[in-house]
Amino acid sequence: MIATDFANESKPTGLTAQFRSGFFDYFSLELADRNELLDESFRLRYQVYVDEMHFERAEDFPTGCERDLFDPRALTVLLRHNASGLVMGCVRLIVADPADIARPFPFEIVAGEQIARRSEVFLSTPRKRIGEVSRLAVAKEFRRRKSDQEMGLYAVQELGSFSEDSRRRNIPPALGLVFAAAWLGVEVGLHAVFVMMELRLARLLRSLGLTFNQVADPVEYHGLRAPFEITRESLLGEMSPPLRSALDLVQHRVQDLAQLDIPLLKAVRQRSGKHDDEVSGDRRARFETGSPPGAAVWRQMPPGVGVPITGVPS
C-alpha cells in the first residue's frame, strides 16, 4: 500500500448510527432492470457530469443522456427519494466483459502499470472476480452546498451540527450508494473492487470505517485522483461495528435486488460459480513486459469513457 496522509484518521462517527436509524424511511434502492431506469441514471449523469461539472461536452450527448461503452457491462444502482419519487442518485458496478474477459476496466486504462507493480490483489485476483465502482452522481437538489458536487457526499461534514430530526432528513445519499455498490459486488461473487477517487473522499470514508487501500500515485483525471481497492474480506470482516450495522441494513435490500431477472446479473453469477482457472501470472507477465491492457483501446474510446466518480471510487 502506498503511504498516504491517513495517519490521523478519526474513529467512526455518529453518522453511521443516523444512517442506520432512518435512511430507508426516506430513500429506496433500485437496480436498473429495464431501459427506463437506465435512462433515468443516464439523465442524472448528464446533469452532473456535463451540465454542472463540464467533464464532458454536451454535443457528444445530444439526447441528454451521458453514457459510455462500459455501461453494457455495468450494473446500475439508483437511489430514489420516496416523498418526491425522483431519482436522487446513481452509481454503477462495472464487471469483466462477458464477451471478452480481457477487455480493460477504466482504472486499468488510467493507471494499469502502476497498479500492476503495487497491488498484489490486482495481480492475484481472477479478472472475473474484479469490479470497478464508478459514475457516482447525486442530483443537485439533494446536495446542501456547491462543493458537494465535487464530493458527492451531501455535506457529510455538516451532519454533526444538525439536530437529531434534521440529521434523519439529511443522511448522505452517496454513502448509501457506496454501500450498495460494494455489497452488490459481494452478492455477485467479486473478490475485489477498484475505484478512482479523490484522497479527501478516501479519508472521509475511512473516518466512517470504510477503508479503501490506495494502490497507485494520484493522477490528473478530472482533478487529482488515485486508484483504490477494497477486498471482499475487508467488507466482510474488518469494519467497525457501527458501519457493519449500517451495511447490514443495505445488504438485505441489495440481496433482494440481486434476484432480479437481468441478463448481465445472471451471466456474472454463472461465471462466478465456475472454478477460478485463470492464471494470474499471465497478467503479471503482460505488465512486466511493458504491455498493459487497454493502451490501444483507450485511444479508440468515444467521449465519456473513463470519467471517475464525483469524488468517489471509478
C-alpha atoms as a PDB file:
ATOM      1  CA  MET A   1       0.000   0.000   0.000  1.00  0.00           C
ATOM      2  CA  ILE A   2       1.274   3.479  -0.853  1.00  0.00           C
ATOM      3  CA  ALA A   3       1.979   5.815   2.038  1.00  0.00           C
ATOM      4  CA  THR A   4      -0.775   8.378   2.493  1.00  0.00           C
ATOM      5  CA  ASP A   5      -1.691  11.094   4.938  1.00  0.00           C
ATOM      6  CA  PHE A   6      -4.359   8.970   6.600  1.00  0.00           C
ATOM      7  CA  ALA A   7      -2.424   8.565   9.841  1.00  0.00           C
ATOM      8  CA  ASN A   8      -4.704  10.893  11.792  1.00  0.00           C
ATOM      9  CA  GLU A   9      -7.959   9.350  10.630  1.00  0.00           C
ATOM     10  CA  SER A  10     -10.813   9.661  13.071  1.00  0.00           C
ATOM     11  CA  LYS A  11     -12.945   6.922  14.545  1.00  0.00           C
ATOM     12  CA  PRO A  12     -16.380   6.116  13.087  1.00  0.00           C
ATOM     13  CA  THR A  13     -18.827   8.870  13.972  1.00  0.00           C
ATOM     14  CA  GLY A  14     -22.496   9.110  14.856  1.00  0.00           C
ATOM     15  CA  LEU A  15     -23.222   9.431  11.143  1.00  0.00           C
ATOM     16  CA  THR A  16     -23.448   5.666  10.742  1.00  0.00           C
ATOM     17  CA  ALA A  17     -25.980   5.442  13.562  1.00  0.00           C
ATOM     18  CA  GLN A  18     -28.169   8.037  11.834  1.00  0.00           C
ATOM     19  CA  PHE A  19     -27.812   6.149   8.550  1.00  0.00           C
ATOM     20  CA  ARG A  20     -28.917   3.006  10.304  1.00  0.00           C
ATOM     21  CA  SER A  21     -31.887   4.568  12.054  1.00  0.00           C
ATOM     22  CA  GLY A  22     -33.548   6.494   9.263  1.00  0.00           C
ATOM     23  CA  PHE A  23     -32.054   6.048   5.811  1.00  0.00           C
ATOM     24  CA  PHE A  24     -34.723   3.827   4.299  1.00  0.00           C
ATOM     25  CA  ASP A  25     -37.510   5.894   5.774  1.00  0.00           C
ATOM     26  CA  TYR A  26     -36.641   8.458   3.123  1.00  0.00           C
ATOM     27  CA  PHE A  27     -34.861   6.640   0.284  1.00  0.00           C
ATOM     28  CA  SER A  28     -35.246   3.449  -1.769  1.00  0.00           C
ATOM     29  CA  LEU A  29     -32.588   1.475  -3.653  1.00  0.00           C
ATOM     30  CA  GLU A  30     -33.333   0.159  -7.136  1.00  0.00           C
ATOM     31  CA  LEU A  31     -31.324  -1.939  -9.572  1.00  0.00           C
ATOM     32  CA  ALA A  32     -31.847  -0.860 -13.180  1.00  0.00           C
ATOM     33  CA  ASP A  33     -33.520  -3.870 -14.758  1.00  0.00           C
ATOM     34  CA  ARG A  34     -35.137  -2.040 -17.681  1.00  0.00           C
ATOM     35  CA  ASN A  35     -34.286   0.748 -20.094  1.00  0.00           C
ATOM     36  CA  GLU A  36     -36.495   3.311 -18.370  1.00  0.00           C
ATOM     37  CA  LEU A  37     -34.436   3.079 -15.171  1.00  0.00           C
ATOM     38  CA  LEU A  38     -31.151   3.140 -17.074  1.00  0.00           C
ATOM     39  CA  ASP A  39     -32.294   6.275 -18.886  1.00  0.00           C
ATOM     40  CA  GLU A  40     -33.053   7.940 -15.555  1.00  0.00           C
ATOM     41  CA  SER A  41     -29.477   7.276 -14.439  1.00  0.00           C
ATOM     42  CA  PHE A  42     -28.059   8.490 -17.760  1.00  0.00           C
ATOM     43  CA  ARG A  43     -30.009  11.734 -17.497  1.00  0.00           C
ATOM     44  CA  LEU A  44     -28.785  12.317 -13.963  1.00  0.00           C
ATOM     45  CA  ARG A  45     -25.211  11.638 -15.065  1.00  0.00           C
ATOM     46  CA  TYR A  46     -25.673  14.180 -17.859  1.00  0.00           C
ATOM     47  CA  GLN A  47     -26.866  16.742 -15.345  1.00  0.00           C
ATOM     48  CA  VAL A  48     -23.850  16.205 -13.081  1.00  0.00           C
ATOM     49  CA  TYR A  49     -21.003  15.337 -15.474  1.00  0.00           C
ATOM     50  CA  VAL A  50     -21.990  17.508 -18.447  1.00  0.00           C
ATOM     51  CA  ASP A  51     -24.121  20.428 -17.249  1.00  0.00           C
ATOM     52  CA  GLU A  52     -22.569  21.006 -13.829  1.00  0.00           C
ATOM     53  CA  MET A  53     -19.013  19.704 -13.842  1.00  0.00           C
ATOM     54  CA  HIS A  54     -18.271  20.057 -17.562  1.00  0.00           C
ATOM     55  CA  PHE A  55     -16.295  16.816 -17.640  1.00  0.00           C
ATOM     56  CA  GLU A  56     -17.956  16.002 -20.955  1.00  0.00           C
ATOM     57  CA  ARG A  57     -19.138  18.038 -23.936  1.00  0.00           C
ATOM     58  CA  ALA A  58     -22.874  18.488 -24.413  1.00  0.00           C
ATOM     59  CA  GLU A  59     -22.558  18.000 -28.174  1.00  0.00           C
ATOM     60  CA  ASP A  60     -21.336  14.443 -27.588  1.00  0.00           C
ATOM     61  CA  PHE A  61     -24.618  13.549 -25.893  1.00  0.00           C
ATOM     62  CA  PRO A  62     -27.403  15.141 -27.959  1.00  0.00           C
ATOM     63  CA  THR A  63     -30.129  13.083 -26.278  1.00  0.00           C
ATOM     64  CA  GLY A  64     -29.280  14.441 -22.824  1.00  0.00           C
ATOM     65  CA  CYS A  65     -28.140  11.015 -21.635  1.00  0.00           C
ATOM     66  CA  GLU A  66     -24.498  10.552 -20.613  1.00  0.00           C
ATOM     67  CA  ARG A  67     -23.318   7.005 -21.296  1.00  0.00           C
ATOM     68  CA  ASP A  68     -20.208   5.191 -22.455  1.00  0.00           C
ATOM     69  CA  LEU A  69     -19.010   1.836 -23.738  1.00  0.00           C
ATOM     70  CA  PHE A  70     -18.722   0.422 -20.211  1.00  0.00           C
ATOM     71  CA  ASP A  71     -22.441   0.673 -19.491  1.00  0.00           C
ATOM     72  CA  PRO A  72     -23.373  -2.608 -21.250  1.00  0.00           C
ATOM     73  CA  ARG A  73     -21.117  -4.421 -18.773  1.00  0.00           C
ATOM     74  CA  ALA A  74     -22.269  -2.495 -15.693  1.00  0.00           C
ATOM     75  CA  LEU A  75     -24.944  -2.995 -13.053  1.00  0.00           C
ATOM     76  CA  THR A  76     -26.557   0.357 -12.211  1.00  0.00           C
ATOM     77  CA  VAL A  77     -27.989   1.180  -8.788  1.00  0.00           C
ATOM     78  CA  LEU A  78     -30.394   4.088  -8.330  1.00  0.00           C
ATOM     79  CA  LEU A  79     -31.412   5.867  -5.145  1.00  0.00           C
ATOM     80  CA  ARG A  80     -34.952   7.243  -5.199  1.00  0.00           C
ATOM     81  CA  HIS A  81     -36.401   9.880  -2.893  1.00  0.00           C
ATOM     82  CA  ASN A  82     -39.583   8.322  -1.563  1.00  0.00           C
ATOM     83  CA  ALA A  83     -41.539  11.514  -0.991  1.00  0.00           C
ATOM     84  CA  SER A  84     -40.972  13.041  -4.430  1.00  0.00           C
ATOM     85  CA  GLY A  85     -40.409   9.900  -6.487  1.00  0.00           C
ATOM     86  CA  LEU A  86     -37.300  11.495  -8.008  1.00  0.00           C
ATOM     87  CA  VAL A  87     -34.067   9.634  -8.694  1.00  0.00           C
ATOM     88  CA  MET A  88     -31.634  11.489  -6.486  1.00  0.00           C
ATOM     89  CA  GLY A  89     -28.507   9.440  -7.064  1.00  0.00           C
ATOM     90  CA  CYS A  90     -26.934   6.635  -9.040  1.00  0.00           C
ATOM     91  CA  VAL A  91     -23.782   4.565  -9.225  1.00  0.00           C
ATOM     92  CA  ARG A  92     -22.620   1.652 -11.355  1.00  0.00           C
ATOM     93  CA  LEU A  93     -20.595  -1.503 -10.797  1.00  0.00           C
ATOM     94  CA  ILE A  94     -18.557  -2.447 -13.880  1.00  0.00           C
ATOM     95  CA  VAL A  95     -17.763  -6.157 -14.201  1.00  0.00           C
ATOM     96  CA  ALA A  96     -15.462  -8.080 -16.505  1.00  0.00           C
ATOM     97  CA  ASP A  97     -16.859  -8.092 -20.029  1.00  0.00           C
ATOM     98  CA  PRO A  98     -18.776 -11.370 -20.581  1.00  0.00           C
ATOM     99  CA  ALA A  99     -17.867 -11.271 -24.286  1.00  0.00           C
ATOM    100  CA  ASP A 100     -14.138 -10.740 -23.709  1.00  0.00           C
ATOM    101  CA  ILE A 101     -12.850 -11.009 -20.158  1.00  0.00           C
ATOM    102  CA  ALA A 102      -9.507  -9.449 -21.169  1.00  0.00           C
ATOM    103  CA  ARG A 103     -11.048  -6.082 -22.039  1.00  0.00           C
ATOM    104  CA  PRO A 104      -9.727  -3.461 -19.613  1.00  0.00           C
ATOM    105  CA  PHE A 105     -11.515  -1.665 -16.839  1.00  0.00           C
ATOM    106  CA  PRO A 106     -11.324   2.146 -16.770  1.00  0.00           C
ATOM    107  CA  PHE A 107      -8.884   2.082 -13.838  1.00  0.00           C
ATOM    108  CA  GLU A 108      -6.503  -0.119 -15.840  1.00  0.00           C
ATOM    109  CA  ILE A 109      -6.513   2.323 -18.718  1.00  0.00           C
ATOM    110  CA  VAL A 110      -5.678   5.234 -16.449  1.00  0.00           C
ATOM    111  CA  ALA A 111      -3.162   3.652 -14.064  1.00  0.00           C
ATOM    112  CA  GLY A 112      -2.746  -0.002 -15.002  1.00  0.00           C
ATOM    113  CA  GLU A 113       1.041  -0.107 -14.994  1.00  0.00           C
ATOM    114  CA  GLN A 114       1.339   1.435 -11.528  1.00  0.00           C
ATOM    115  CA  ILE A 115      -1.349  -0.818 -10.109  1.00  0.00           C
ATOM    116  CA  ALA A 116       0.302  -3.913 -11.555  1.00  0.00           C
ATOM    117  CA  ARG A 117       3.536  -3.001  -9.809  1.00  0.00           C
ATOM    118  CA  ARG A 118       1.947  -2.239  -6.446  1.00  0.00           C
ATOM    119  CA  SER A 119      -1.242  -4.254  -5.985  1.00  0.00           C
ATOM    120  CA  GLU A 120      -0.900  -7.928  -5.270  1.00  0.00           C
ATOM    121  CA  VAL A 121      -4.693  -8.053  -5.065  1.00  0.00           C
ATOM    122  CA  PHE A 122      -4.954  -6.934  -8.691  1.00  0.00           C
ATOM    123  CA  LEU A 123      -2.337  -9.418  -9.885  1.00  0.00           C
ATOM    124  CA  SER A 124      -3.653 -12.412  -7.963  1.00  0.00           C
ATOM    125  CA  THR A 125      -7.420 -11.969  -8.368  1.00  0.00           C
ATOM    126  CA  PRO A 126      -9.047 -13.617 -11.410  1.00  0.00           C
ATOM    127  CA  ARG A 127     -10.477 -10.972 -13.723  1.00  0.00           C
ATOM    128  CA  LYS A 128     -13.976 -12.393 -13.457  1.00  0.00           C
ATOM    129  CA  ARG A 129     -13.853 -11.564  -9.746  1.00  0.00           C
ATOM    130  CA  ILE A 130     -12.778  -7.918 -10.176  1.00  0.00           C
ATOM    131  CA  GLY A 131     -15.154  -4.985 -10.439  1.00  0.00           C
ATOM    132  CA  GLU A 132     -14.979  -1.213 -10.602  1.00  0.00           C
ATOM    133  CA  VAL A 133     -17.326   1.295  -8.992  1.00  0.00           C
ATOM    134  CA  SER A 134     -17.850   4.490 -10.977  1.00  0.00           C
ATOM    135  CA  ARG A 135     -20.214   7.235 -12.101  1.00  0.00           C
ATOM    136  CA  LEU A 136     -21.499   8.127  -8.667  1.00  0.00           C
ATOM    137  CA  ALA A 137     -23.808  11.103  -9.103  1.00  0.00           C
ATOM    138  CA  VAL A 138     -26.135  12.913  -6.701  1.00  0.00           C
ATOM    139  CA  ALA A 139     -28.727  15.384  -8.016  1.00  0.00           C
ATOM    140  CA  LYS A 140     -28.054  18.993  -7.093  1.00  0.00           C
ATOM    141  CA  GLU A 141     -31.486  19.271  -5.460  1.00  0.00           C
ATOM    142  CA  PHE A 142     -30.261  16.852  -2.800  1.00  0.00           C
ATOM    143  CA  ARG A 143     -26.904  18.484  -2.120  1.00  0.00           C
ATOM    144  CA  ARG A 144     -26.549  21.148   0.542  1.00  0.00           C
ATOM    145  CA  ARG A 145     -23.557  23.047  -0.818  1.00  0.00           C
ATOM    146  CA  LYS A 146     -21.972  23.860  -4.155  1.00  0.00           C
ATOM    147  CA  SER A 147     -18.833  21.959  -3.128  1.00  0.00           C
ATOM    148  CA  ASP A 148     -20.893  18.806  -2.709  1.00  0.00           C
ATOM    149  CA  GLN A 149     -20.939  18.420  -6.496  1.00  0.00           C
ATOM    150  CA  GLU A 150     -17.234  17.641  -6.095  1.00  0.00           C
ATOM    151  CA  MET A 151     -17.571  15.464  -3.019  1.00  0.00           C
ATOM    152  CA  GLY A 152     -20.798  13.731  -3.953  1.00  0.00           C
ATOM    153  CA  LEU A 153     -21.388  13.160  -0.241  1.00  0.00           C
ATOM    154  CA  TYR A 154     -24.145  15.631   0.587  1.00  0.00           C
ATOM    155  CA  ALA A 155     -22.321  17.730   3.156  1.00  0.00           C
ATOM    156  CA  VAL A 156     -21.266  14.844   5.356  1.00  0.00           C
ATOM    157  CA  GLN A 157     -19.085  17.174   7.393  1.00  0.00           C
ATOM    158  CA  GLU A 158     -22.103  19.281   8.373  1.00  0.00           C
ATOM    159  CA  LEU A 159     -24.259  16.467   9.703  1.00  0.00           C
ATOM    160  CA  GLY A 160     -22.811  16.612  13.190  1.00  0.00           C
ATOM    161  CA  SER A 161     -24.142  20.143  13.722  1.00  0.00           C
ATOM    162  CA  PHE A 162     -27.768  19.273  12.941  1.00  0.00           C
ATOM    163  CA  SER A 163     -30.461  18.291  15.399  1.00  0.00           C
ATOM    164  CA  GLU A 164     -31.424  14.638  15.554  1.00  0.00           C
ATOM    165  CA  ASP A 165     -34.562  15.156  13.459  1.00  0.00           C
ATOM    166  CA  SER A 166     -32.599  17.198  10.922  1.00  0.00           C
ATOM    167  CA  ARG A 167     -29.920  14.550  10.640  1.00  0.00           C
ATOM    168  CA  ARG A 168     -32.515  11.959   9.788  1.00  0.00           C
ATOM    169  CA  ARG A 169     -33.656  14.196   6.952  1.00  0.00           C
ATOM    170  CA  ASN A 170     -30.095  14.890   5.816  1.00  0.00           C
ATOM    171  CA  ILE A 171     -28.447  11.471   5.679  1.00  0.00           C
ATOM    172  CA  PRO A 172     -25.865  11.498   2.863  1.00  0.00           C
ATOM    173  CA  PRO A 173     -27.367   9.610  -0.098  1.00  0.00           C
ATOM    174  CA  ALA A 174     -23.981   8.918  -1.662  1.00  0.00           C
ATOM    175  CA  LEU A 175     -22.998   6.888   1.396  1.00  0.00           C
ATOM    176  CA  GLY A 176     -25.943   4.598   0.763  1.00  0.00           C
ATOM    177  CA  LEU A 177     -24.926   4.260  -2.875  1.00  0.00           C
ATOM    178  CA  VAL A 178     -21.337   3.397  -1.955  1.00  0.00           C
ATOM    179  CA  PHE A 179     -22.597   0.721   0.433  1.00  0.00           C
ATOM    180  CA  ALA A 180     -24.990  -0.646  -2.176  1.00  0.00           C
ATOM    181  CA  ALA A 181     -22.354  -0.906  -4.912  1.00  0.00           C
ATOM    182  CA  ALA A 182     -19.874  -2.526  -2.537  1.00  0.00           C
ATOM    183  CA  TRP A 183     -22.337  -5.127  -1.339  1.00  0.00           C
ATOM    184  CA  LEU A 184     -23.615  -5.812  -4.841  1.00  0.00           C
ATOM    185  CA  GLY A 185     -20.059  -6.847  -5.671  1.00  0.00           C
ATOM    186  CA  VAL A 186     -20.156  -9.344  -2.815  1.00  0.00           C
ATOM    187  CA  GLU A 187     -23.533 -10.658  -3.974  1.00  0.00           C
ATOM    188  CA  VAL A 188     -22.284 -11.403  -7.493  1.00  0.00           C
ATOM    189  CA  GLY A 189     -19.137 -13.124  -6.277  1.00  0.00           C
ATOM    190  CA  LEU A 190     -16.471 -10.442  -6.748  1.00  0.00           C
ATOM    191  CA  HIS A 191     -13.338 -10.595  -4.607  1.00  0.00           C
ATOM    192  CA  ALA A 192     -12.020  -7.062  -5.194  1.00  0.00           C
ATOM    193  CA  VAL A 193     -13.435  -3.737  -6.289  1.00  0.00           C
ATOM    194  CA  PHE A 194     -11.371  -0.817  -7.588  1.00  0.00           C
ATOM    195  CA  VAL A 195     -12.282   2.862  -7.680  1.00  0.00           C
ATOM    196  CA  MET A 196     -10.746   6.155  -8.781  1.00  0.00           C
ATOM    197  CA  MET A 197     -11.335   8.810  -6.135  1.00  0.00           C
ATOM    198  CA  GLU A 198     -10.044  11.954  -4.522  1.00  0.00           C
ATOM    199  CA  LEU A 199      -7.824  11.485  -1.486  1.00  0.00           C
ATOM    200  CA  ARG A 200     -10.131  13.568   0.679  1.00  0.00           C
ATOM    201  CA  LEU A 201     -13.024  11.249  -0.078  1.00  0.00           C
ATOM    202  CA  ALA A 202     -10.926   8.224   0.857  1.00  0.00           C
ATOM    203  CA  ARG A 203     -10.084   9.932   4.153  1.00  0.00           C
ATOM    204  CA  LEU A 204     -13.736  10.670   4.774  1.00  0.00           C
ATOM    205  CA  LEU A 205     -14.824   7.105   4.041  1.00  0.00           C
ATOM    206  CA  ARG A 206     -12.055   5.810   6.269  1.00  0.00           C
ATOM    207  CA  SER A 207     -13.210   8.085   9.079  1.00  0.00           C
ATOM    208  CA  LEU A 208     -16.555   6.300   8.777  1.00  0.00           C
ATOM    209  CA  GLY A 209     -14.851   2.916   8.952  1.00  0.00           C
ATOM    210  CA  LEU A 210     -14.910   2.032   5.241  1.00  0.00           C
ATOM    211  CA  THR A 211     -11.283   1.500   4.266  1.00  0.00           C
ATOM    212  CA  PHE A 212     -10.114   1.615   0.657  1.00  0.00           C
ATOM    213  CA  ASN A 213      -6.397   0.991   0.102  1.00  0.00           C
ATOM    214  CA  GLN A 214      -4.560   3.298  -2.286  1.00  0.00           C
ATOM    215  CA  VAL A 215      -2.701   1.263  -4.903  1.00  0.00           C
ATOM    216  CA  ALA A 216      -1.075   3.888  -7.129  1.00  0.00           C
ATOM    217  CA  ASP A 217       0.024   7.507  -7.083  1.00  0.00           C
ATOM    218  CA  PRO A 218      -2.570  10.200  -7.800  1.00  0.00           C
ATOM    219  CA  VAL A 219      -3.027  11.117 -11.444  1.00  0.00           C
ATOM    220  CA  GLU A 220      -4.668  14.083 -13.118  1.00  0.00           C
ATOM    221  CA  TYR A 221      -8.028  12.612 -14.014  1.00  0.00           C
ATOM    222  CA  HIS A 222     -10.707  15.301 -13.948  1.00  0.00           C
ATOM    223  CA  GLY A 223      -8.917  16.516 -10.857  1.00  0.00           C
ATOM    224  CA  LEU A 224      -6.257  14.774  -8.814  1.00  0.00           C
ATOM    225  CA  ARG A 225      -7.423  11.227  -8.095  1.00  0.00           C
ATOM    226  CA  ALA A 226      -5.859   7.910  -7.184  1.00  0.00           C
ATOM    227  CA  PRO A 227      -6.837   4.261  -7.674  1.00  0.00           C
ATOM    228  CA  PHE A 228      -8.070   2.487  -4.547  1.00  0.00           C
ATOM    229  CA  GLU A 229      -9.074  -1.093  -3.870  1.00  0.00           C
ATOM    230  CA  ILE A 230     -11.238  -2.845  -1.316  1.00  0.00           C
ATOM    231  CA  THR A 231     -11.467  -6.604  -0.935  1.00  0.00           C
ATOM    232  CA  ARG A 232     -14.308  -8.906  -0.058  1.00  0.00           C
ATOM    233  CA  GLU A 233     -12.516  -9.767   3.167  1.00  0.00           C
ATOM    234  CA  SER A 234     -12.409  -6.098   4.195  1.00  0.00           C
ATOM    235  CA  LEU A 235     -16.126  -5.745   3.655  1.00  0.00           C
ATOM    236  CA  LEU A 236     -16.952  -8.950   5.478  1.00  0.00           C
ATOM    237  CA  GLY A 237     -14.556  -8.805   8.375  1.00  0.00           C
ATOM    238  CA  GLU A 238     -12.716  -5.543   9.011  1.00  0.00           C
ATOM    239  CA  MET A 239     -15.466  -2.952   9.511  1.00  0.00           C
ATOM    240  CA  SER A 240     -16.196  -1.121  12.707  1.00  0.00           C
ATOM    241  CA  PRO A 241     -19.385  -2.300  14.462  1.00  0.00           C
ATOM    242  CA  PRO A 242     -21.394   0.890  13.666  1.00  0.00           C
ATOM    243  CA  LEU A 243     -20.556   0.692   9.970  1.00  0.00           C
ATOM    244  CA  ARG A 244     -21.208  -3.037   9.930  1.00  0.00           C
ATOM    245  CA  SER A 245     -24.733  -2.424  11.226  1.00  0.00           C
ATOM    246  CA  ALA A 246     -25.317   0.188   8.547  1.00  0.00           C
ATOM    247  CA  LEU A 247     -24.001  -2.078   5.795  1.00  0.00           C
ATOM    248  CA  ASP A 248     -26.156  -4.951   7.055  1.00  0.00           C
ATOM    249  CA  LEU A 249     -29.210  -2.760   6.516  1.00  0.00           C
ATOM    250  CA  VAL A 250     -28.198  -2.170   2.901  1.00  0.00           C
ATOM    251  CA  GLN A 251     -27.261  -5.819   2.479  1.00  0.00           C
ATOM    252  CA  HIS A 252     -30.822  -7.079   2.895  1.00  0.00           C
ATOM    253  CA  ARG A 253     -32.107  -4.729   0.217  1.00  0.00           C
ATOM    254  CA  VAL A 254     -29.286  -5.483  -2.203  1.00  0.00           C
ATOM    255  CA  GLN A 255     -29.822  -9.220  -1.734  1.00  0.00           C
ATOM    256  CA  ASP A 256     -33.399  -8.750  -2.926  1.00  0.00           C
ATOM    257  CA  LEU A 257     -32.284  -6.639  -5.884  1.00  0.00           C
ATOM    258  CA  ALA A 258     -29.703  -9.250  -6.874  1.00  0.00           C
ATOM    259  CA  GLN A 259     -32.522 -11.711  -7.593  1.00  0.00           C
ATOM    260  CA  LEU A 260     -33.900  -9.600 -10.448  1.00  0.00           C
ATOM    261  CA  ASP A 261     -34.039 -11.058 -13.938  1.00  0.00           C
ATOM    262  CA  ILE A 262     -31.175  -9.123 -15.539  1.00  0.00           C
ATOM    263  CA  PRO A 263     -29.114 -10.954 -18.230  1.00  0.00           C
ATOM    264  CA  LEU A 264     -25.804  -9.421 -17.119  1.00  0.00           C
ATOM    265  CA  LEU A 265     -26.528 -10.285 -13.498  1.00  0.00           C
ATOM    266  CA  LYS A 266     -27.216 -13.880 -14.447  1.00  0.00           C
ATOM    267  CA  ALA A 267     -24.059 -14.059 -16.551  1.00  0.00           C
ATOM    268  CA  VAL A 268     -21.897 -12.738 -13.717  1.00  0.00           C
ATOM    269  CA  ARG A 269     -23.439 -15.159 -11.226  1.00  0.00           C
ATOM    270  CA  GLN A 270     -22.892 -18.127 -13.529  1.00  0.00           C
ATOM    271  CA  ARG A 271     -19.326 -17.080 -14.232  1.00  0.00           C
ATOM    272  CA  SER A 272     -18.585 -16.612 -10.539  1.00  0.00           C
ATOM    273  CA  GLY A 273     -19.844 -20.093  -9.803  1.00  0.00           C
ATOM    274  CA  LYS A 274     -17.205 -21.669 -12.019  1.00  0.00           C
ATOM    275  CA  HIS A 275     -13.727 -22.701 -10.926  1.00  0.00           C
ATOM    276  CA  ASP A 276     -11.138 -19.932 -10.852  1.00  0.00           C
ATOM    277  CA  ASP A 277      -8.833 -21.348 -13.505  1.00  0.00           C
ATOM    278  CA  GLU A 278      -7.278 -18.078 -14.669  1.00  0.00           C
ATOM    279  CA  VAL A 279      -3.503 -17.983 -14.305  1.00  0.00           C
ATOM    280  CA  SER A 280      -2.739 -14.669 -12.638  1.00  0.00           C
ATOM    281  CA  GLY A 281       0.876 -14.964 -13.723  1.00  0.00           C
ATOM    282  CA  ASP A 282      -0.203 -14.318 -17.308  1.00  0.00           C
ATOM    283  CA  ARG A 283      -1.489 -10.902 -16.291  1.00  0.00           C
ATOM    284  CA  ARG A 284       1.666 -10.178 -14.301  1.00  0.00           C
ATOM    285  CA  ALA A 285       3.813 -11.032 -17.319  1.00  0.00           C
ATOM    286  CA  ARG A 286       1.819  -8.723 -19.590  1.00  0.00           C
ATOM    287  CA  PHE A 287       2.654  -5.791 -17.359  1.00  0.00           C
ATOM    288  CA  GLU A 288       6.259  -6.802 -16.698  1.00  0.00           C
ATOM    289  CA  THR A 289       6.896  -6.896 -20.451  1.00  0.00           C
ATOM    290  CA  GLY A 290       5.527  -3.391 -20.828  1.00  0.00           C
ATOM    291  CA  SER A 291       2.231  -4.362 -22.446  1.00  0.00           C
ATOM    292  CA  PRO A 292      -0.563  -3.400 -20.067  1.00  0.00           C
ATOM    293  CA  PRO A 293      -4.069  -3.975 -21.387  1.00  0.00           C
ATOM    294  CA  GLY A 294      -6.048  -1.046 -22.625  1.00  0.00           C
ATOM    295  CA  ALA A 295      -3.495   1.347 -24.119  1.00  0.00           C
ATOM    296  CA  ALA A 296      -4.693   0.844 -27.674  1.00  0.00           C
ATOM    297  CA  VAL A 297      -8.320   0.606 -26.603  1.00  0.00           C
ATOM    298  CA  TRP A 298      -8.115   3.940 -24.777  1.00  0.00           C
ATOM    299  CA  ARG A 299      -7.137   5.776 -27.943  1.00  0.00           C
ATOM    300  CA  GLN A 300     -10.216   4.415 -29.699  1.00  0.00           C
ATOM    301  CA  MET A 301     -12.737   5.167 -26.955  1.00  0.00           C
ATOM    302  CA  PRO A 302     -15.541   7.653 -27.616  1.00  0.00           C
ATOM    303  CA  PRO A 303     -16.224  10.697 -25.426  1.00  0.00           C
ATOM    304  CA  GLY A 304     -17.473   9.957 -21.956  1.00  0.00           C
ATOM    305  CA  VAL A 305     -15.347   6.920 -21.255  1.00  0.00           C
ATOM    306  CA  GLY A 306     -13.483   6.626 -18.015  1.00  0.00           C
ATOM    307  CA  VAL A 307     -14.841   9.672 -16.197  1.00  0.00           C
ATOM    308  CA  PRO A 308     -14.403   8.939 -12.496  1.00  0.00           C
ATOM    309  CA  ILE A 309     -16.979   9.037  -9.774  1.00  0.00           C
ATOM    310  CA  THR A 310     -17.569  12.515  -8.450  1.00  0.00           C
ATOM    311  CA  GLY A 311     -15.236  12.373  -5.539  1.00  0.00           C
ATOM    312  CA  VAL A 312     -15.857   8.689  -5.009  1.00  0.00           C
ATOM    313  CA  PRO A 313     -14.425   5.467  -6.291  1.00  0.00           C
ATOM    314  CA  SER A 314     -14.413   4.862 -10.589  1.00  0.00           C
END
